[in-house]
């Protein structure tokens, strides 16, 4: 992924917005956030292009990378064209240079 990549972020919740802010701070400026809610209640989203509504995910066209939040089912993403589908976790694994220890289980660890 380079700074000119077109990046789609699926979900305008905590994870999606956090990822957008992080990538923006690292110089990735071509970011679009997609969310199925008509009016996602997020603060700080004004820096990014936002596509909302029931058919938001069908508008994901011509992106190099698509970051999917865990709550978004893959069945909703049938129309993604030749983009690299990835996640925040995968991005972290690829870019972290140290030891990674995972804790699995339910919420409330």
PDB file of N, CA and C in Angstrom:
ATOM      1  N   UNK A   1       0.860  -1.160   0.000  1.00  0.00           N
ATOM      2  CA  UNK A   1       0.000   0.000   0.000  1.00  0.00           C
ATOM      3  C   UNK A   1       0.914   1.233   0.000  1.00  0.00           C
ATOM      4  N   UNK A   2       0.645   2.155  -0.913  1.00  0.00           N
ATOM      5  CA  UNK A   2       1.433   3.383  -0.932  1.00  0.00           C
ATOM      6  C   UNK A   2       0.532   4.590  -0.686  1.00  0.00           C
ATOM      7  N   UNK A   3       1.129   5.750  -0.547  1.00  0.00           N
ATOM      8  CA  UNK A   3       0.389   6.965  -0.177  1.00  0.00           C
ATOM      9  C   UNK A   3      -0.647   7.381  -1.221  1.00  0.00           C
ATOM     10  N   UNK A   4      -0.505   6.912  -2.466  1.00  0.00           N
ATOM     11  CA  UNK A   4      -1.457   7.248  -3.526  1.00  0.00           C
ATOM     12  C   UNK A   4      -2.591   6.233  -3.654  1.00  0.00           C
ATOM     13  N   UNK A   5      -2.552   5.177  -2.874  1.00  0.00           N
ATOM     14  CA  UNK A   5      -3.581   4.142  -2.947  1.00  0.00           C
ATOM     15  C   UNK A   5      -4.946   4.703  -2.596  1.00  0.00           C
ATOM     16  N   UNK A   6      -5.975   4.244  -3.327  1.00  0.00           N
ATOM     17  CA  UNK A   6      -7.359   4.576  -2.984  1.00  0.00           C
ATOM     18  C   UNK A   6      -7.810   3.554  -1.951  1.00  0.00           C
ATOM     19  N   UNK A   7      -8.196   4.050  -0.771  1.00  0.00           N
ATOM     20  CA  UNK A   7      -8.498   3.172   0.357  1.00  0.00           C
ATOM     21  C   UNK A   7      -9.948   3.359   0.797  1.00  0.00           C
ATOM     22  N   UNK A   8     -10.673   2.248   0.870  1.00  0.00           N
ATOM     23  CA  UNK A   8     -12.047   2.240   1.377  1.00  0.00           C
ATOM     24  C   UNK A   8     -12.024   1.629   2.774  1.00  0.00           C
ATOM     25  N   UNK A   9     -12.748   2.257   3.686  1.00  0.00           N
ATOM     26  CA  UNK A   9     -12.876   1.751   5.049  1.00  0.00           C
ATOM     27  C   UNK A   9     -14.353   1.486   5.292  1.00  0.00           C
ATOM     28  N   UNK A  10     -14.682   0.238   5.615  1.00  0.00           N
ATOM     29  CA  UNK A  10     -16.071  -0.156   5.789  1.00  0.00           C
ATOM     30  C   UNK A  10     -16.451  -0.090   7.253  1.00  0.00           C
ATOM     31  N   UNK A  11     -17.364   0.809   7.561  1.00  0.00           N
ATOM     32  CA  UNK A  11     -17.822   0.995   8.921  1.00  0.00           C
ATOM     33  C   UNK A  11     -17.295   2.295   9.501  1.00  0.00           C
ATOM     34  N   UNK A  12     -18.209   3.157   9.954  1.00  0.00           N
ATOM     35  CA  UNK A  12     -17.832   4.449  10.528  1.00  0.00           C
ATOM     36  C   UNK A  12     -17.911   4.409  12.050  1.00  0.00           C
ATOM     37  N   UNK A  13     -17.704   3.229  12.602  1.00  0.00           N
ATOM     38  CA  UNK A  13     -17.697   3.091  14.053  1.00  0.00           C
ATOM     39  C   UNK A  13     -16.331   3.384  14.624  1.00  0.00           C
ATOM     40  N   UNK A  14     -16.091   2.930  15.833  1.00  0.00           N
ATOM     41  CA  UNK A  14     -14.842   3.208  16.536  1.00  0.00           C
ATOM     42  C   UNK A  14     -13.635   2.700  15.740  1.00  0.00           C
ATOM     43  N   UNK A  15     -13.693   1.450  15.277  1.00  0.00           N
ATOM     44  CA  UNK A  15     -12.550   0.882  14.562  1.00  0.00           C
ATOM     45  C   UNK A  15     -12.325   1.564  13.210  1.00  0.00           C
ATOM     46  N   UNK A  16     -13.379   1.741  12.444  1.00  0.00           N
ATOM     47  CA  UNK A  16     -13.240   2.346  11.122  1.00  0.00           C
ATOM     48  C   UNK A  16     -12.735   3.772  11.185  1.00  0.00           C
ATOM     49  N   UNK A  17     -13.307   4.572  12.075  1.00  0.00           N
ATOM     50  CA  UNK A  17     -12.884   5.962  12.205  1.00  0.00           C
ATOM     51  C   UNK A  17     -11.465   6.048  12.774  1.00  0.00           C
ATOM     52  N   UNK A  18     -11.156   5.179  13.717  1.00  0.00           N
ATOM     53  CA  UNK A  18      -9.793   5.141  14.267  1.00  0.00           C
ATOM     54  C   UNK A  18      -8.772   4.811  13.196  1.00  0.00           C
ATOM     55  N   UNK A  19      -9.092   3.847  12.344  1.00  0.00           N
ATOM     56  CA  UNK A  19      -8.194   3.486  11.252  1.00  0.00           C
ATOM     57  C   UNK A  19      -8.040   4.647  10.282  1.00  0.00           C
ATOM     58  N   UNK A  20      -9.138   5.309   9.946  1.00  0.00           N
ATOM     59  CA  UNK A  20      -9.074   6.446   9.017  1.00  0.00           C
ATOM     60  C   UNK A  20      -8.171   7.543   9.575  1.00  0.00           C
ATOM     61  N   UNK A  21      -8.336   7.861  10.839  1.00  0.00           N
ATOM     62  CA  UNK A  21      -7.510   8.896  11.459  1.00  0.00           C
ATOM     63  C   UNK A  21      -6.039   8.494  11.481  1.00  0.00           C
ATOM     64  N   UNK A  22      -5.783   7.230  11.791  1.00  0.00           N
ATOM     65  CA  UNK A  22      -4.398   6.750  11.823  1.00  0.00           C
ATOM     66  C   UNK A  22      -3.757   6.827  10.438  1.00  0.00           C
ATOM     67  N   UNK A  23      -4.441   6.275   9.431  1.00  0.00           N
ATOM     68  CA  UNK A  23      -3.874   6.295   8.079  1.00  0.00           C
ATOM     69  C   UNK A  23      -3.678   7.727   7.589  1.00  0.00           C
ATOM     70  N   UNK A  24      -4.618   8.598   7.895  1.00  0.00           N
ATOM     71  CA  UNK A  24      -4.515  10.007   7.499  1.00  0.00           C
ATOM     72  C   UNK A  24      -3.275  10.647   8.134  1.00  0.00           C
ATOM     73  N   UNK A  25      -3.025  10.337   9.399  1.00  0.00           N
ATOM     74  CA  UNK A  25      -1.860  10.889  10.096  1.00  0.00           C
ATOM     75  C   UNK A  25      -0.545  10.382   9.507  1.00  0.00           C
ATOM     76  N   UNK A  26      -0.590   9.246   8.819  1.00  0.00           N
ATOM     77  CA  UNK A  26       0.602   8.662   8.194  1.00  0.00           C
ATOM     78  C   UNK A  26       0.742   9.084   6.733  1.00  0.00           C
ATOM     79  N   UNK A  27      -0.151   9.979   6.257  1.00  0.00           N
ATOM     80  CA  UNK A  27      -0.013  10.514   4.906  1.00  0.00           C
ATOM     81  C   UNK A  27      -0.882   9.859   3.859  1.00  0.00           C
ATOM     82  N   UNK A  28      -1.756   8.939   4.258  1.00  0.00           N
ATOM     83  CA  UNK A  28      -2.704   8.335   3.323  1.00  0.00           C
ATOM     84  C   UNK A  28      -3.926   9.249   3.268  1.00  0.00           C
ATOM     85  N   UNK A  29      -4.068   9.989   2.184  1.00  0.00           N
ATOM     86  CA  UNK A  29      -5.093  11.025   2.119  1.00  0.00           C
ATOM     87  C   UNK A  29      -6.293  10.648   1.270  1.00  0.00           C
ATOM     88  N   UNK A  30      -6.178   9.585   0.482  1.00  0.00           N
ATOM     89  CA  UNK A  30      -7.254   9.187  -0.430  1.00  0.00           C
ATOM     90  C   UNK A  30      -8.126   8.128   0.248  1.00  0.00           C
ATOM     91  N   UNK A  31      -8.867   8.554   1.287  1.00  0.00           N
ATOM     92  CA  UNK A  31      -9.654   7.652   2.129  1.00  0.00           C
ATOM     93  C   UNK A  31     -11.141   7.928   1.958  1.00  0.00           C
ATOM     94  N   UNK A  32     -11.922   6.860   1.855  1.00  0.00           N
ATOM     95  CA  UNK A  32     -13.374   6.968   1.823  1.00  0.00           C
ATOM     96  C   UNK A  32     -13.943   5.986   2.839  1.00  0.00           C
ATOM     97  N   UNK A  33     -14.859   6.475   3.675  1.00  0.00           N
ATOM     98  CA  UNK A  33     -15.509   5.628   4.676  1.00  0.00           C
ATOM     99  C   UNK A  33     -16.914   5.302   4.189  1.00  0.00           C
ATOM    100  N   UNK A  34     -17.258   4.021   4.238  1.00  0.00           N
ATOM    101  CA  UNK A  34     -18.584   3.539   3.831  1.00  0.00           C
ATOM    102  C   UNK A  34     -19.307   3.013   5.058  1.00  0.00           C
ATOM    103  N   UNK A  35     -20.594   3.376   5.202  1.00  0.00           N
ATOM    104  CA  UNK A  35     -21.382   2.885   6.322  1.00  0.00           C
ATOM    105  C   UNK A  35     -22.835   2.765   5.877  1.00  0.00           C
ATOM    106  N   UNK A  36     -23.488   1.688   6.291  1.00  0.00           N
ATOM    107  CA  UNK A  36     -24.881   1.466   5.891  1.00  0.00           C
ATOM    108  C   UNK A  36     -25.873   2.350   6.642  1.00  0.00           C
ATOM    109  N   UNK A  37     -25.467   2.948   7.730  1.00  0.00           N
ATOM    110  CA  UNK A  37     -26.350   3.859   8.451  1.00  0.00           C
ATOM    111  C   UNK A  37     -26.447   5.167   7.666  1.00  0.00           C
ATOM    112  N   UNK A  38     -27.613   5.751   7.648  1.00  0.00           N
ATOM    113  CA  UNK A  38     -27.807   7.021   6.941  1.00  0.00           C
ATOM    114  C   UNK A  38     -27.029   8.157   7.591  1.00  0.00           C
ATOM    115  N   UNK A  39     -26.976   8.149   8.920  1.00  0.00           N
ATOM    116  CA  UNK A  39     -26.346   9.244   9.640  1.00  0.00           C
ATOM    117  C   UNK A  39     -25.500   8.693  10.777  1.00  0.00           C
ATOM    118  N   UNK A  40     -24.323   8.156  10.461  1.00  0.00           N
ATOM    119  CA  UNK A  40     -23.495   7.611  11.541  1.00  0.00           C
ATOM    120  C   UNK A  40     -23.088   8.721  12.508  1.00  0.00           C
ATOM    121  N   UNK A  41     -23.180   8.446  13.794  1.00  0.00           N
ATOM    122  CA  UNK A  41     -22.858   9.459  14.795  1.00  0.00           C
ATOM    123  C   UNK A  41     -21.378   9.364  15.145  1.00  0.00           C
ATOM    124  N   UNK A  42     -20.556  10.054  14.375  1.00  0.00           N
ATOM    125  CA  UNK A  42     -19.121  10.041  14.606  1.00  0.00           C
ATOM    126  C   UNK A  42     -18.606  11.479  14.668  1.00  0.00           C
ATOM    127  N   UNK A  43     -17.538  11.660  15.405  1.00  0.00           N
ATOM    128  CA  UNK A  43     -16.909  12.968  15.527  1.00  0.00           C
ATOM    129  C   UNK A  43     -15.567  12.893  14.809  1.00  0.00           C
ATOM    130  N   UNK A  44     -15.235  13.897  14.033  1.00  0.00           N
ATOM    131  CA  UNK A  44     -13.951  13.933  13.345  1.00  0.00           C
ATOM    132  C   UNK A  44     -13.983  13.326  11.969  1.00  0.00           C
ATOM    133  N   UNK A  45     -15.170  13.012  11.463  1.00  0.00           N
ATOM    134  CA  UNK A  45     -15.279  12.353  10.169  1.00  0.00           C
ATOM    135  C   UNK A  45     -15.220  13.353   9.016  1.00  0.00           C
ATOM    136  N   UNK A  46     -15.240  14.634   9.328  1.00  0.00           N
ATOM    137  CA  UNK A  46     -15.311  15.629   8.268  1.00  0.00           C
ATOM    138  C   UNK A  46     -14.084  15.655   7.348  1.00  0.00           C
ATOM    139  N   UNK A  47     -12.966  15.087   7.762  1.00  0.00           N
ATOM    140  CA  UNK A  47     -11.760  15.052   6.918  1.00  0.00           C
ATOM    141  C   UNK A  47     -11.888  14.054   5.769  1.00  0.00           C
ATOM    142  N   UNK A  48     -12.832  13.152   5.848  1.00  0.00           N
ATOM    143  CA  UNK A  48     -12.892  12.037   4.915  1.00  0.00           C
ATOM    144  C   UNK A  48     -14.165  12.063   4.089  1.00  0.00           C
ATOM    145  N   UNK A  49     -14.067  11.489   2.891  1.00  0.00           N
ATOM    146  CA  UNK A  49     -15.277  11.305   2.092  1.00  0.00           C
ATOM    147  C   UNK A  49     -16.108  10.237   2.789  1.00  0.00           C
ATOM    148  N   UNK A  50     -17.410  10.428   2.825  1.00  0.00           N
ATOM    149  CA  UNK A  50     -18.302   9.502   3.519  1.00  0.00           C
ATOM    150  C   UNK A  50     -19.428   9.099   2.584  1.00  0.00           C
ATOM    151  N   UNK A  51     -19.633   7.787   2.447  1.00  0.00           N
ATOM    152  CA  UNK A  51     -20.726   7.236   1.637  1.00  0.00           C
ATOM    153  C   UNK A  51     -21.611   6.450   2.596  1.00  0.00           C
ATOM    154  N   UNK A  52     -22.897   6.841   2.690  1.00  0.00           N
ATOM    155  CA  UNK A  52     -23.790   6.191   3.642  1.00  0.00           C
ATOM    156  C   UNK A  52     -25.052   5.681   2.962  1.00  0.00           C
ATOM    157  N   UNK A  53     -25.810   4.892   3.696  1.00  0.00           N
ATOM    158  CA  UNK A  53     -27.092   4.380   3.224  1.00  0.00           C
ATOM    159  C   UNK A  53     -27.088   2.879   3.037  1.00  0.00           C
ATOM    160  N   UNK A  54     -28.278   2.323   2.858  1.00  0.00           N
ATOM    161  CA  UNK A  54     -28.446   0.861   2.745  1.00  0.00           C
ATOM    162  C   UNK A  54     -27.604   0.261   1.627  1.00  0.00           C
ATOM    163  N   UNK A  55     -27.384   1.002   0.544  1.00  0.00           N
ATOM    164  CA  UNK A  55     -26.626   0.476  -0.596  1.00  0.00           C
ATOM    165  C   UNK A  55     -25.189   0.994  -0.641  1.00  0.00           C
ATOM    166  N   UNK A  56     -24.681   1.494   0.474  1.00  0.00           N
ATOM    167  CA  UNK A  56     -23.335   2.090   0.507  1.00  0.00           C
ATOM    168  C   UNK A  56     -22.261   1.128   0.015  1.00  0.00           C
ATOM    169  N   UNK A  57     -22.332  -0.137   0.430  1.00  0.00           N
ATOM    170  CA  UNK A  57     -21.273  -1.083   0.072  1.00  0.00           C
ATOM    171  C   UNK A  57     -21.285  -1.427  -1.413  1.00  0.00           C
ATOM    172  N   UNK A  58     -22.406  -1.240  -2.085  1.00  0.00           N
ATOM    173  CA  UNK A  58     -22.463  -1.516  -3.523  1.00  0.00           C
ATOM    174  C   UNK A  58     -21.736  -0.432  -4.326  1.00  0.00           C
ATOM    175  N   UNK A  59     -21.366   0.657  -3.671  1.00  0.00           N
ATOM    176  CA  UNK A  59     -20.681   1.769  -4.336  1.00  0.00           C
ATOM    177  C   UNK A  59     -19.166   1.683  -4.217  1.00  0.00           C
ATOM    178  N   UNK A  60     -18.667   0.567  -3.715  1.00  0.00           N
ATOM    179  CA  UNK A  60     -17.221   0.395  -3.562  1.00  0.00           C
ATOM    180  C   UNK A  60     -16.650  -0.051  -4.904  1.00  0.00           C
ATOM    181  N   UNK A  61     -16.153   0.891  -5.651  1.00  0.00           N
ATOM    182  CA  UNK A  61     -15.608   0.616  -6.982  1.00  0.00           C
ATOM    183  C   UNK A  61     -14.266   1.321  -7.132  1.00  0.00           C
ATOM    184  N   UNK A  62     -13.341   0.680  -7.790  1.00  0.00           N
ATOM    185  CA  UNK A  62     -12.039   1.268  -8.140  1.00  0.00           C
ATOM    186  C   UNK A  62     -11.188   1.659  -6.936  1.00  0.00           C
ATOM    187  N   UNK A  63     -11.203   0.843  -5.905  1.00  0.00           N
ATOM    188  CA  UNK A  63     -10.330   1.056  -4.755  1.00  0.00           C
ATOM    189  C   UNK A  63      -9.203   0.034  -4.800  1.00  0.00           C
ATOM    190  N   UNK A  64      -8.033   0.440  -4.306  1.00  0.00           N
ATOM    191  CA  UNK A  64      -6.897  -0.476  -4.252  1.00  0.00           C
ATOM    192  C   UNK A  64      -6.958  -1.381  -3.026  1.00  0.00           C
ATOM    193  N   UNK A  65      -7.434  -0.818  -1.913  1.00  0.00           N
ATOM    194  CA  UNK A  65      -7.513  -1.564  -0.658  1.00  0.00           C
ATOM    195  C   UNK A  65      -8.855  -1.286   0.006  1.00  0.00           C
ATOM    196  N   UNK A  66      -9.443  -2.332   0.576  1.00  0.00           N
ATOM    197  CA  UNK A  66     -10.700  -2.207   1.298  1.00  0.00           C
ATOM    198  C   UNK A  66     -10.500  -2.826   2.678  1.00  0.00           C
ATOM    199  N   UNK A  67     -10.647  -2.005   3.718  1.00  0.00           N
ATOM    200  CA  UNK A  67     -10.536  -2.463   5.096  1.00  0.00           C
ATOM    201  C   UNK A  67     -11.935  -2.761   5.616  1.00  0.00           C
ATOM    202  N   UNK A  68     -12.155  -3.996   6.042  1.00  0.00           N
ATOM    203  CA  UNK A  68     -13.456  -4.435   6.539  1.00  0.00           C
ATOM    204  C   UNK A  68     -13.400  -4.576   8.050  1.00  0.00           C
ATOM    205  N   UNK A  69     -14.368  -3.972   8.720  1.00  0.00           N
ATOM    206  CA  UNK A  69     -14.500  -4.151  10.166  1.00  0.00           C
ATOM    207  C   UNK A  69     -15.096  -5.533  10.427  1.00  0.00           C
ATOM    208  N   UNK A  70     -14.785  -6.150  11.583  1.00  0.00           N
ATOM    209  CA  UNK A  70     -15.262  -7.502  11.861  1.00  0.00           C
ATOM    210  C   UNK A  70     -16.786  -7.655  11.820  1.00  0.00           C
ATOM    211  N   UNK A  71     -17.533  -6.610  12.118  1.00  0.00           N
ATOM    212  CA  UNK A  71     -18.984  -6.705  12.146  1.00  0.00           C
ATOM    213  C   UNK A  71     -19.649  -6.690  10.783  1.00  0.00           C
ATOM    214  N   UNK A  72     -18.885  -6.503   9.729  1.00  0.00           N
ATOM    215  CA  UNK A  72     -19.453  -6.440   8.379  1.00  0.00           C
ATOM    216  C   UNK A  72     -19.282  -7.796   7.711  1.00  0.00           C
ATOM    217  N   UNK A  73     -20.403  -8.431   7.416  1.00  0.00           N
ATOM    218  CA  UNK A  73     -20.390  -9.780   6.856  1.00  0.00           C
ATOM    219  C   UNK A  73     -19.890  -9.762   5.407  1.00  0.00           C
ATOM    220  N   UNK A  74     -19.100 -10.763   5.060  1.00  0.00           N
ATOM    221  CA  UNK A  74     -18.545 -10.856   3.711  1.00  0.00           C
ATOM    222  C   UNK A  74     -19.607 -10.946   2.621  1.00  0.00           C
ATOM    223  N   UNK A  75     -20.784 -11.476   2.942  1.00  0.00           N
ATOM    224  CA  UNK A  75     -21.857 -11.593   1.950  1.00  0.00           C
ATOM    225  C   UNK A  75     -22.272 -10.226   1.410  1.00  0.00           C
ATOM    226  N   UNK A  76     -22.081  -9.187   2.189  1.00  0.00           N
ATOM    227  CA  UNK A  76     -22.454  -7.842   1.758  1.00  0.00           C
ATOM    228  C   UNK A  76     -21.458  -7.245   0.776  1.00  0.00           C
ATOM    229  N   UNK A  77     -20.348  -7.930   0.558  1.00  0.00           N
ATOM    230  CA  UNK A  77     -19.264  -7.356  -0.236  1.00  0.00           C
ATOM    231  C   UNK A  77     -19.044  -8.094  -1.547  1.00  0.00           C
ATOM    232  N   UNK A  78     -20.097  -8.627  -2.124  1.00  0.00           N
ATOM    233  CA  UNK A  78     -19.994  -9.394  -3.363  1.00  0.00           C
ATOM    234  C   UNK A  78     -19.495  -8.575  -4.548  1.00  0.00           C
ATOM    235  N   UNK A  79     -19.772  -7.283  -4.553  1.00  0.00           N
ATOM    236  CA  UNK A  79     -19.488  -6.459  -5.724  1.00  0.00           C
ATOM    237  C   UNK A  79     -18.124  -5.784  -5.717  1.00  0.00           C
ATOM    238  N   UNK A  80     -17.288  -6.067  -4.746  1.00  0.00           N
ATOM    239  CA  UNK A  80     -15.985  -5.411  -4.705  1.00  0.00           C
ATOM    240  C   UNK A  80     -15.146  -5.906  -5.881  1.00  0.00           C
ATOM    241  N   UNK A  81     -14.628  -4.963  -6.627  1.00  0.00           N
ATOM    242  CA  UNK A  81     -13.862  -5.298  -7.828  1.00  0.00           C
ATOM    243  C   UNK A  81     -12.361  -5.262  -7.585  1.00  0.00           C
ATOM    244  N   UNK A  82     -11.700  -6.322  -7.716  1.00  0.00           N
ATOM    245  CA  UNK A  82     -10.243  -6.495  -7.718  1.00  0.00           C
ATOM    246  C   UNK A  82      -9.464  -5.718  -6.659  1.00  0.00           C
ATOM    247  N   UNK A  83     -10.105  -5.267  -5.613  1.00  0.00           N
ATOM    248  CA  UNK A  83      -9.394  -4.596  -4.526  1.00  0.00           C
ATOM    249  C   UNK A  83      -8.821  -5.648  -3.580  1.00  0.00           C
ATOM    250  N   UNK A  84      -7.823  -5.262  -2.832  1.00  0.00           N
ATOM    251  CA  UNK A  84      -7.289  -6.126  -1.800  1.00  0.00           C
ATOM    252  C   UNK A  84      -8.169  -5.936  -0.566  1.00  0.00           C
ATOM    253  N   UNK A  85      -8.857  -6.983  -0.163  1.00  0.00           N
ATOM    254  CA  UNK A  85      -9.716  -6.949   1.016  1.00  0.00           C
ATOM    255  C   UNK A  85      -8.864  -7.317   2.221  1.00  0.00           C
ATOM    256  N   UNK A  86      -8.837  -6.442   3.221  1.00  0.00           N
ATOM    257  CA  UNK A  86      -7.989  -6.660   4.378  1.00  0.00           C
ATOM    258  C   UNK A  86      -8.698  -6.168   5.638  1.00  0.00           C
ATOM    259  N   UNK A  87      -7.987  -6.154   6.752  1.00  0.00           N
ATOM    260  CA  UNK A  87      -8.562  -5.702   8.012  1.00  0.00           C
ATOM    261  C   UNK A  87      -7.516  -4.911   8.790  1.00  0.00           C
ATOM    262  N   UNK A  88      -7.971  -4.233   9.815  1.00  0.00           N
ATOM    263  CA  UNK A  88      -7.054  -3.486  10.671  1.00  0.00           C
ATOM    264  C   UNK A  88      -6.055  -4.436  11.329  1.00  0.00           C
ATOM    265  N   UNK A  89      -6.540  -5.586  11.769  1.00  0.00           N
ATOM    266  CA  UNK A  89      -5.666  -6.572  12.403  1.00  0.00           C
ATOM    267  C   UNK A  89      -4.595  -7.051  11.437  1.00  0.00           C
ATOM    268  N   UNK A  90      -4.983  -7.374  10.215  1.00  0.00           N
ATOM    269  CA  UNK A  90      -4.025  -7.826   9.217  1.00  0.00           C
ATOM    270  C   UNK A  90      -2.987  -6.732   8.921  1.00  0.00           C
ATOM    271  N   UNK A  91      -3.431  -5.496   8.811  1.00  0.00           N
ATOM    272  CA  UNK A  91      -2.521  -4.374   8.567  1.00  0.00           C
ATOM    273  C   UNK A  91      -1.498  -4.283   9.705  1.00  0.00           C
ATOM    274  N   UNK A  92      -1.968  -4.423  10.948  1.00  0.00           N
ATOM    275  CA  UNK A  92      -1.074  -4.385  12.103  1.00  0.00           C
ATOM    276  C   UNK A  92      -0.049  -5.522  12.033  1.00  0.00           C
ATOM    277  N   UNK A  93      -0.507  -6.726  11.749  1.00  0.00           N
ATOM    278  CA  UNK A  93       0.411  -7.869  11.661  1.00  0.00           C
ATOM    279  C   UNK A  93       1.479  -7.649  10.598  1.00  0.00           C
ATOM    280  N   UNK A  94       1.116  -7.057   9.481  1.00  0.00           N
ATOM    281  CA  UNK A  94       2.066  -6.832   8.388  1.00  0.00           C
ATOM    282  C   UNK A  94       3.062  -5.709   8.683  1.00  0.00           C
ATOM    283  N   UNK A  95       2.698  -4.768   9.544  1.00  0.00           N
ATOM    284  CA  UNK A  95       3.527  -3.590   9.735  1.00  0.00           C
ATOM    285  C   UNK A  95       4.198  -3.482  11.100  1.00  0.00           C
ATOM    286  N   UNK A  96       3.887  -4.377  12.012  1.00  0.00           N
ATOM    287  CA  UNK A  96       4.510  -4.347  13.335  1.00  0.00           C
ATOM    288  C   UNK A  96       5.803  -5.153  13.292  1.00  0.00           C
ATOM    289  N   UNK A  97       6.854  -4.611  13.841  1.00  0.00           N
ATOM    290  CA  UNK A  97       8.157  -5.259  13.751  1.00  0.00           C
ATOM    291  C   UNK A  97       8.540  -6.060  14.994  1.00  0.00           C
ATOM    292  N   UNK A  98       7.724  -6.043  16.018  1.00  0.00           N
ATOM    293  CA  UNK A  98       8.077  -6.743  17.254  1.00  0.00           C
ATOM    294  C   UNK A  98       7.260  -8.005  17.456  1.00  0.00           C
ATOM    295  N   UNK A  99       7.388  -8.566  18.631  1.00  0.00           N
ATOM    296  CA  UNK A  99       6.656  -9.752  19.027  1.00  0.00           C
ATOM    297  C   UNK A  99       5.172  -9.412  19.207  1.00  0.00           C
ATOM    298  N   UNK A 100       4.311 -10.286  18.748  1.00  0.00           N
ATOM    299  CA  UNK A 100       2.872 -10.084  18.894  1.00  0.00           C
ATOM    300  C   UNK A 100       2.311 -11.215  19.743  1.00  0.00           C
ATOM    301  N   UNK A 101       1.591 -10.854  20.781  1.00  0.00           N
ATOM    302  CA  UNK A 101       0.938 -11.839  21.646  1.00  0.00           C
ATOM    303  C   UNK A 101      -0.555 -11.604  21.550  1.00  0.00           C
ATOM    304  N   UNK A 102      -1.315 -12.632  21.218  1.00  0.00           N
ATOM    305  CA  UNK A 102      -2.765 -12.505  21.071  1.00  0.00           C
ATOM    306  C   UNK A 102      -3.498 -13.098  22.251  1.00  0.00           C
ATOM    307  N   UNK A 103      -4.566 -12.444  22.654  1.00  0.00           N
ATOM    308  CA  UNK A 103      -5.433 -12.941  23.710  1.00  0.00           C
ATOM    309  C   UNK A 103      -6.789 -13.192  23.061  1.00  0.00           C
ATOM    310  N   UNK A 104      -7.245 -14.421  23.101  1.00  0.00           N
ATOM    311  CA  UNK A 104      -8.522 -14.756  22.473  1.00  0.00           C
ATOM    312  C   UNK A 104      -9.585 -14.954  23.534  1.00  0.00           C
ATOM    313  N   UNK A 105     -10.811 -14.980  23.091  1.00  0.00           N
ATOM    314  CA  UNK A 105     -11.914 -15.200  24.006  1.00  0.00           C
ATOM    315  C   UNK A 105     -13.006 -14.195  23.779  1.00  0.00           C
ATOM    316  N   UNK A 106     -13.804 -13.997  24.793  1.00  0.00           N
ATOM    317  CA  UNK A 106     -14.948 -13.111  24.693  1.00  0.00           C
ATOM    318  C   UNK A 106     -14.589 -11.693  25.104  1.00  0.00           C
ATOM    319  N   UNK A 107     -15.547 -10.812  24.960  1.00  0.00           N
ATOM    320  CA  UNK A 107     -15.352  -9.426  25.393  1.00  0.00           C
ATOM    321  C   UNK A 107     -15.199  -9.398  26.902  1.00  0.00           C
ATOM    322  N   UNK A 108     -14.525  -8.389  27.401  1.00  0.00           N
ATOM    323  CA  UNK A 108     -14.373  -8.243  28.845  1.00  0.00           C
ATOM    324  C   UNK A 108     -13.177  -8.996  29.397  1.00  0.00           C
ATOM    325  N   UNK A 109     -12.141  -9.140  28.602  1.00  0.00           N
ATOM    326  CA  UNK A 109     -10.956  -9.902  29.030  1.00  0.00           C
ATOM    327  C   UNK A 109     -10.348  -9.348  30.290  1.00  0.00           C
TER     328      UNK A 109
END
